Amino acid sequence: MSIPSRLIESIVDMPGEFAEVATQGPIEGLLVLFGAIFVIAPTAYFGYLSVGAILSVFLPESFGAEHPES
């Protein structure tokens, strides 16, 4: 089995594995929940910052406002 196909298979199997661990007890469920929060929140924030940085290259600093002349 090739590495890409094993990776795809692992990604597909991952939710079932996490669900199996989370349903073992309340502590395990909380650990999975907090783990998901600690991974998803920074990833979403980094994505937000990345999209903003990319858009700032293409968008003007102000829409229609003129700079005062010195």
PDB file of N, CA and C in Angstrom:
ATOM      1  N   MET A   1       0.849  -1.170   0.000  1.00  0.00           N
ATOM      2  CA  MET A   1       0.000   0.000   0.000  1.00  0.00           C
ATOM      3  C   MET A   1       0.898   1.237   0.000  1.00  0.00           C
ATOM      4  N   SER A   2       0.571   2.213  -0.817  1.00  0.00           N
ATOM      5  CA  SER A   2       1.398   3.406  -0.930  1.00  0.00           C
ATOM      6  C   SER A   2       1.123   4.375   0.224  1.00  0.00           C
ATOM      7  N   ILE A   3       2.041   5.284   0.422  1.00  0.00           N
ATOM      8  CA  ILE A   3       1.931   6.245   1.519  1.00  0.00           C
ATOM      9  C   ILE A   3       0.723   7.162   1.351  1.00  0.00           C
ATOM     10  N   PRO A   4       0.458   7.722   0.153  1.00  0.00           N
ATOM     11  CA  PRO A   4      -0.733   8.583   0.016  1.00  0.00           C
ATOM     12  C   PRO A   4      -2.041   7.835   0.298  1.00  0.00           C
ATOM     13  N   SER A   5      -2.152   6.596  -0.147  1.00  0.00           N
ATOM     14  CA  SER A   5      -3.397   5.867   0.105  1.00  0.00           C
ATOM     15  C   SER A   5      -3.535   5.534   1.585  1.00  0.00           C
ATOM     16  N   ARG A   6      -2.425   5.258   2.265  1.00  0.00           N
ATOM     17  CA  ARG A   6      -2.492   5.013   3.712  1.00  0.00           C
ATOM     18  C   ARG A   6      -2.882   6.278   4.454  1.00  0.00           C
ATOM     19  N   LEU A   7      -2.391   7.421   3.991  1.00  0.00           N
ATOM     20  CA  LEU A   7      -2.741   8.697   4.616  1.00  0.00           C
ATOM     21  C   LEU A   7      -4.231   8.984   4.456  1.00  0.00           C
ATOM     22  N   ILE A   8      -4.754   8.792   3.261  1.00  0.00           N
ATOM     23  CA  ILE A   8      -6.191   9.006   3.015  1.00  0.00           C
ATOM     24  C   ILE A   8      -7.015   8.068   3.883  1.00  0.00           C
ATOM     25  N   GLU A   9      -6.600   6.815   3.960  1.00  0.00           N
ATOM     26  CA  GLU A   9      -7.323   5.836   4.785  1.00  0.00           C
ATOM     27  C   GLU A   9      -7.302   6.240   6.254  1.00  0.00           C
ATOM     28  N   SER A  10      -6.177   6.738   6.737  1.00  0.00           N
ATOM     29  CA  SER A  10      -6.077   7.182   8.128  1.00  0.00           C
ATOM     30  C   SER A  10      -6.989   8.377   8.392  1.00  0.00           C
ATOM     31  N   ILE A  11      -7.050   9.298   7.453  1.00  0.00           N
ATOM     32  CA  ILE A  11      -7.912  10.470   7.624  1.00  0.00           C
ATOM     33  C   ILE A  11      -9.374  10.058   7.660  1.00  0.00           C
ATOM     34  N   VAL A  12      -9.747   9.086   6.839  1.00  0.00           N
ATOM     35  CA  VAL A  12     -11.134   8.617   6.820  1.00  0.00           C
ATOM     36  C   VAL A  12     -11.475   7.874   8.119  1.00  0.00           C
ATOM     37  N   ASP A  13     -10.521   7.126   8.658  1.00  0.00           N
ATOM     38  CA  ASP A  13     -10.754   6.348   9.882  1.00  0.00           C
ATOM     39  C   ASP A  13     -10.680   7.198  11.150  1.00  0.00           C
ATOM     40  N   MET A  14     -10.092   8.386  11.076  1.00  0.00           N
ATOM     41  CA  MET A  14      -9.836   9.205  12.258  1.00  0.00           C
ATOM     42  C   MET A  14     -11.093   9.552  13.068  1.00  0.00           C
ATOM     43  N   PRO A  15     -12.197  10.008  12.469  1.00  0.00           N
ATOM     44  CA  PRO A  15     -13.366  10.343  13.293  1.00  0.00           C
ATOM     45  C   PRO A  15     -13.876   9.153  14.113  1.00  0.00           C
ATOM     46  N   GLY A  16     -13.857   7.967  13.537  1.00  0.00           N
ATOM     47  CA  GLY A  16     -14.289   6.789  14.276  1.00  0.00           C
ATOM     48  C   GLY A  16     -13.379   6.480  15.449  1.00  0.00           C
ATOM     49  N   GLU A  17     -12.083   6.656  15.258  1.00  0.00           N
ATOM     50  CA  GLU A  17     -11.128   6.414  16.343  1.00  0.00           C
ATOM     51  C   GLU A  17     -11.328   7.433  17.470  1.00  0.00           C
ATOM     52  N   PHE A  18     -11.504   8.713  17.116  1.00  0.00           N
ATOM     53  CA  PHE A  18     -11.735   9.725  18.138  1.00  0.00           C
ATOM     54  C   PHE A  18     -13.056   9.478  18.863  1.00  0.00           C
ATOM     55  N   ALA A  19     -14.085   9.080  18.149  1.00  0.00           N
ATOM     56  CA  ALA A  19     -15.377   8.792  18.777  1.00  0.00           C
ATOM     57  C   ALA A  19     -15.259   7.614  19.736  1.00  0.00           C
ATOM     58  N   GLU A  20     -14.489   6.608  19.357  1.00  0.00           N
ATOM     59  CA  GLU A  20     -14.296   5.449  20.227  1.00  0.00           C
ATOM     60  C   GLU A  20     -13.604   5.850  21.529  1.00  0.00           C
ATOM     61  N   VAL A  21     -12.598   6.699  21.438  1.00  0.00           N
ATOM     62  CA  VAL A  21     -11.898   7.164  22.637  1.00  0.00           C
ATOM     63  C   VAL A  21     -12.805   8.060  23.473  1.00  0.00           C
ATOM     64  N   ALA A  22     -13.540   8.962  22.830  1.00  0.00           N
ATOM     65  CA  ALA A  22     -14.379   9.928  23.544  1.00  0.00           C
ATOM     66  C   ALA A  22     -15.516   9.256  24.291  1.00  0.00           C
ATOM     67  N   THR A  23     -15.988   8.108  23.824  1.00  0.00           N
ATOM     68  CA  THR A  23     -17.123   7.443  24.469  1.00  0.00           C
ATOM     69  C   THR A  23     -16.696   6.479  25.571  1.00  0.00           C
ATOM     70  N   GLN A  24     -15.419   6.421  25.900  1.00  0.00           N
ATOM     71  CA  GLN A  24     -14.973   5.524  26.969  1.00  0.00           C
ATOM     72  C   GLN A  24     -15.332   6.058  28.341  1.00  0.00           C
ATOM     73  N   GLY A  25     -15.490   7.343  28.483  1.00  0.00           N
ATOM     74  CA  GLY A  25     -15.849   7.926  29.771  1.00  0.00           C
ATOM     75  C   GLY A  25     -15.886   9.431  29.673  1.00  0.00           C
ATOM     76  N   PRO A  26     -16.363  10.086  30.752  1.00  0.00           N
ATOM     77  CA  PRO A  26     -16.483  11.548  30.698  1.00  0.00           C
ATOM     78  C   PRO A  26     -15.130  12.266  30.639  1.00  0.00           C
ATOM     79  N   ILE A  27     -14.129  11.741  31.318  1.00  0.00           N
ATOM     80  CA  ILE A  27     -12.807  12.382  31.281  1.00  0.00           C
ATOM     81  C   ILE A  27     -12.215  12.297  29.879  1.00  0.00           C
ATOM     82  N   GLU A  28     -12.336  11.143  29.258  1.00  0.00           N
ATOM     83  CA  GLU A  28     -11.812  10.975  27.911  1.00  0.00           C
ATOM     84  C   GLU A  28     -12.529  11.888  26.924  1.00  0.00           C
ATOM     85  N   GLY A  29     -13.847  12.017  27.101  1.00  0.00           N
ATOM     86  CA  GLY A  29     -14.624  12.918  26.244  1.00  0.00           C
ATOM     87  C   GLY A  29     -14.177  14.363  26.377  1.00  0.00           C
ATOM     88  N   LEU A  30     -13.929  14.788  27.631  1.00  0.00           N
ATOM     89  CA  LEU A  30     -13.448  16.153  27.852  1.00  0.00           C
ATOM     90  C   LEU A  30     -12.053  16.356  27.254  1.00  0.00           C
ATOM     91  N   LEU A  31     -11.202  15.351  27.385  1.00  0.00           N
ATOM     92  CA  LEU A  31      -9.863  15.467  26.816  1.00  0.00           C
ATOM     93  C   LEU A  31      -9.916  15.593  25.295  1.00  0.00           C
ATOM     94  N   VAL A  32     -10.778  14.821  24.649  1.00  0.00           N
ATOM     95  CA  VAL A  32     -10.915  14.914  23.198  1.00  0.00           C
ATOM     96  C   VAL A  32     -11.484  16.281  22.818  1.00  0.00           C
ATOM     97  N   LEU A  33     -12.460  16.760  23.573  1.00  0.00           N
ATOM     98  CA  LEU A  33     -13.059  18.068  23.297  1.00  0.00           C
ATOM     99  C   LEU A  33     -12.031  19.189  23.425  1.00  0.00           C
ATOM    100  N   PHE A  34     -11.286  19.206  24.529  1.00  0.00           N
ATOM    101  CA  PHE A  34     -10.290  20.254  24.718  1.00  0.00           C
ATOM    102  C   PHE A  34      -9.160  20.129  23.701  1.00  0.00           C
ATOM    103  N   GLY A  35      -8.795  18.921  23.345  1.00  0.00           N
ATOM    104  CA  GLY A  35      -7.788  18.736  22.313  1.00  0.00           C
ATOM    105  C   GLY A  35      -8.241  19.320  20.989  1.00  0.00           C
ATOM    106  N   ALA A  36      -9.510  19.084  20.662  1.00  0.00           N
ATOM    107  CA  ALA A  36     -10.058  19.635  19.422  1.00  0.00           C
ATOM    108  C   ALA A  36     -10.077  21.162  19.469  1.00  0.00           C
ATOM    109  N   ILE A  37     -10.438  21.718  20.620  1.00  0.00           N
ATOM    110  CA  ILE A  37     -10.463  23.183  20.752  1.00  0.00           C
ATOM    111  C   ILE A  37      -9.060  23.758  20.603  1.00  0.00           C
ATOM    112  N   PHE A  38      -8.077  23.105  21.239  1.00  0.00           N
ATOM    113  CA  PHE A  38      -6.701  23.611  21.178  1.00  0.00           C
ATOM    114  C   PHE A  38      -6.077  23.459  19.801  1.00  0.00           C
ATOM    115  N   VAL A  39      -6.637  22.631  18.958  1.00  0.00           N
ATOM    116  CA  VAL A  39      -6.121  22.496  17.596  1.00  0.00           C
ATOM    117  C   VAL A  39      -6.915  23.377  16.627  1.00  0.00           C
ATOM    118  N   ILE A  40      -8.233  23.368  16.732  1.00  0.00           N
ATOM    119  CA  ILE A  40      -9.086  24.083  15.775  1.00  0.00           C
ATOM    120  C   ILE A  40      -8.995  25.593  15.946  1.00  0.00           C
ATOM    121  N   ALA A  41      -8.977  26.091  17.184  1.00  0.00           N
ATOM    122  CA  ALA A  41      -8.954  27.543  17.400  1.00  0.00           C
ATOM    123  C   ALA A  41      -7.692  28.196  16.816  1.00  0.00           C
ATOM    124  N   PRO A  42      -6.485  27.706  17.117  1.00  0.00           N
ATOM    125  CA  PRO A  42      -5.312  28.345  16.505  1.00  0.00           C
ATOM    126  C   PRO A  42      -5.270  28.182  14.990  1.00  0.00           C
ATOM    127  N   THR A  43      -5.747  27.046  14.489  1.00  0.00           N
ATOM    128  CA  THR A  43      -5.759  26.836  13.048  1.00  0.00           C
ATOM    129  C   THR A  43      -6.696  27.828  12.370  1.00  0.00           C
ATOM    130  N   ALA A  44      -7.867  28.042  12.950  1.00  0.00           N
ATOM    131  CA  ALA A  44      -8.816  29.004  12.385  1.00  0.00           C
ATOM    132  C   ALA A  44      -8.260  30.427  12.455  1.00  0.00           C
ATOM    133  N   TYR A  45      -7.616  30.764  13.572  1.00  0.00           N
ATOM    134  CA  TYR A  45      -7.036  32.105  13.710  1.00  0.00           C
ATOM    135  C   TYR A  45      -5.910  32.324  12.708  1.00  0.00           C
ATOM    136  N   PHE A  46      -5.043  31.338  12.542  1.00  0.00           N
ATOM    137  CA  PHE A  46      -3.962  31.442  11.570  1.00  0.00           C
ATOM    138  C   PHE A  46      -4.522  31.550  10.150  1.00  0.00           C
ATOM    139  N   GLY A  47      -5.578  30.809   9.852  1.00  0.00           N
ATOM    140  CA  GLY A  47      -6.220  30.917   8.544  1.00  0.00           C
ATOM    141  C   GLY A  47      -6.798  32.294   8.314  1.00  0.00           C
ATOM    142  N   TYR A  48      -7.423  32.857   9.350  1.00  0.00           N
ATOM    143  CA  TYR A  48      -7.977  34.207   9.272  1.00  0.00           C
ATOM    144  C   TYR A  48      -6.878  35.228   8.990  1.00  0.00           C
ATOM    145  N   LEU A  49      -5.761  35.106   9.718  1.00  0.00           N
ATOM    146  CA  LEU A  49      -4.644  36.026   9.498  1.00  0.00           C
ATOM    147  C   LEU A  49      -4.037  35.849   8.106  1.00  0.00           C
ATOM    148  N   SER A  50      -3.949  34.620   7.653  1.00  0.00           N
ATOM    149  CA  SER A  50      -3.373  34.359   6.327  1.00  0.00           C
ATOM    150  C   SER A  50      -4.242  34.936   5.221  1.00  0.00           C
ATOM    151  N   VAL A  51      -5.548  34.754   5.328  1.00  0.00           N
ATOM    152  CA  VAL A  51      -6.458  35.303   4.319  1.00  0.00           C
ATOM    153  C   VAL A  51      -6.393  36.830   4.339  1.00  0.00           C
ATOM    154  N   GLY A  52      -6.324  37.414   5.532  1.00  0.00           N
ATOM    155  CA  GLY A  52      -6.205  38.872   5.621  1.00  0.00           C
ATOM    156  C   GLY A  52      -4.929  39.382   4.995  1.00  0.00           C
ATOM    157  N   ALA A  53      -3.832  38.667   5.203  1.00  0.00           N
ATOM    158  CA  ALA A  53      -2.556  39.083   4.616  1.00  0.00           C
ATOM    159  C   ALA A  53      -2.596  38.982   3.101  1.00  0.00           C
ATOM    160  N   ILE A  54      -3.202  37.929   2.590  1.00  0.00           N
ATOM    161  CA  ILE A  54      -3.297  37.764   1.139  1.00  0.00           C
ATOM    162  C   ILE A  54      -4.196  38.833   0.539  1.00  0.00           C
ATOM    163  N   LEU A  55      -5.326  39.114   1.196  1.00  0.00           N
ATOM    164  CA  LEU A  55      -6.244  40.124   0.669  1.00  0.00           C
ATOM    165  C   LEU A  55      -5.656  41.531   0.759  1.00  0.00           C
ATOM    166  N   SER A  56      -4.819  41.786   1.764  1.00  0.00           N
ATOM    167  CA  SER A  56      -4.253  43.134   1.890  1.00  0.00           C
ATOM    168  C   SER A  56      -3.337  43.481   0.723  1.00  0.00           C
ATOM    169  N   VAL A  57      -2.815  42.474   0.048  1.00  0.00           N
ATOM    170  CA  VAL A  57      -1.973  42.726  -1.113  1.00  0.00           C
ATOM    171  C   VAL A  57      -2.810  43.258  -2.274  1.00  0.00           C
ATOM    172  N   PHE A  58      -4.035  42.768  -2.397  1.00  0.00           N
ATOM    173  CA  PHE A  58      -4.878  43.096  -3.544  1.00  0.00           C
ATOM    174  C   PHE A  58      -5.851  44.241  -3.298  1.00  0.00           C
ATOM    175  N   LEU A  59      -6.181  44.531  -2.059  1.00  0.00           N
ATOM    176  CA  LEU A  59      -7.154  45.569  -1.746  1.00  0.00           C
ATOM    177  C   LEU A  59      -6.451  46.873  -1.403  1.00  0.00           C
ATOM    178  N   PRO A  60      -7.019  47.998  -1.823  1.00  0.00           N
ATOM    179  CA  PRO A  60      -6.423  49.279  -1.440  1.00  0.00           C
ATOM    180  C   PRO A  60      -6.621  49.528   0.054  1.00  0.00           C
ATOM    181  N   GLU A  61      -5.804  50.440   0.606  1.00  0.00           N
ATOM    182  CA  GLU A  61      -5.891  50.698   2.029  1.00  0.00           C
ATOM    183  C   GLU A  61      -7.206  51.348   2.430  1.00  0.00           C
ATOM    184  N   SER A  62      -7.741  52.195   1.582  1.00  0.00           N
ATOM    185  CA  SER A  62      -9.022  52.826   1.866  1.00  0.00           C
ATOM    186  C   SER A  62      -9.832  52.904   0.587  1.00  0.00           C
ATOM    187  N   PHE A  63     -11.098  52.756   0.722  1.00  0.00           N
ATOM    188  CA  PHE A  63     -11.981  52.791  -0.436  1.00  0.00           C
ATOM    189  C   PHE A  63     -12.525  54.200  -0.609  1.00  0.00           C
ATOM    190  N   GLY A  64     -12.015  54.933  -1.590  1.00  0.00           N
ATOM    191  CA  GLY A  64     -12.562  56.235  -1.934  1.00  0.00           C
ATOM    192  C   GLY A  64     -12.067  57.388  -1.095  1.00  0.00           C
ATOM    193  N   ALA A  65     -11.392  57.151   0.002  1.00  0.00           N
ATOM    194  CA  ALA A  65     -10.907  58.257   0.826  1.00  0.00           C
ATOM    195  C   ALA A  65      -9.636  58.803   0.204  1.00  0.00           C
ATOM    196  N   GLU A  66      -9.524  60.124   0.232  1.00  0.00           N
ATOM    197  CA  GLU A  66      -8.336  60.758  -0.336  1.00  0.00           C
ATOM    198  C   GLU A  66      -7.425  61.197   0.813  1.00  0.00           C
ATOM    199  N   HIS A  67      -6.137  61.115   0.555  1.00  0.00           N
ATOM    200  CA  HIS A  67      -5.175  61.558   1.542  1.00  0.00           C
ATOM    201  C   HIS A  67      -5.117  63.087   1.520  1.00  0.00           C
ATOM    202  N   PRO A  68      -5.034  63.697   2.686  1.00  0.00           N
ATOM    203  CA  PRO A  68      -4.920  65.165   2.699  1.00  0.00           C
ATOM    204  C   PRO A  68      -3.575  65.583   2.099  1.00  0.00           C
ATOM    205  N   GLU A  69      -3.627  66.647   1.350  1.00  0.00           N
ATOM    206  CA  GLU A  69      -2.406  67.116   0.704  1.00  0.00           C
ATOM    207  C   GLU A  69      -1.644  68.017   1.673  1.00  0.00           C
ATOM    208  N   SER A  70      -0.351  67.811   1.719  1.00  0.00           N
ATOM    209  CA  SER A  70       0.463  68.607   2.641  1.00  0.00           C
ATOM    210  C   SER A  70       0.890  69.909   2.029  1.00  0.00           C
TER     211      SER A  70
END
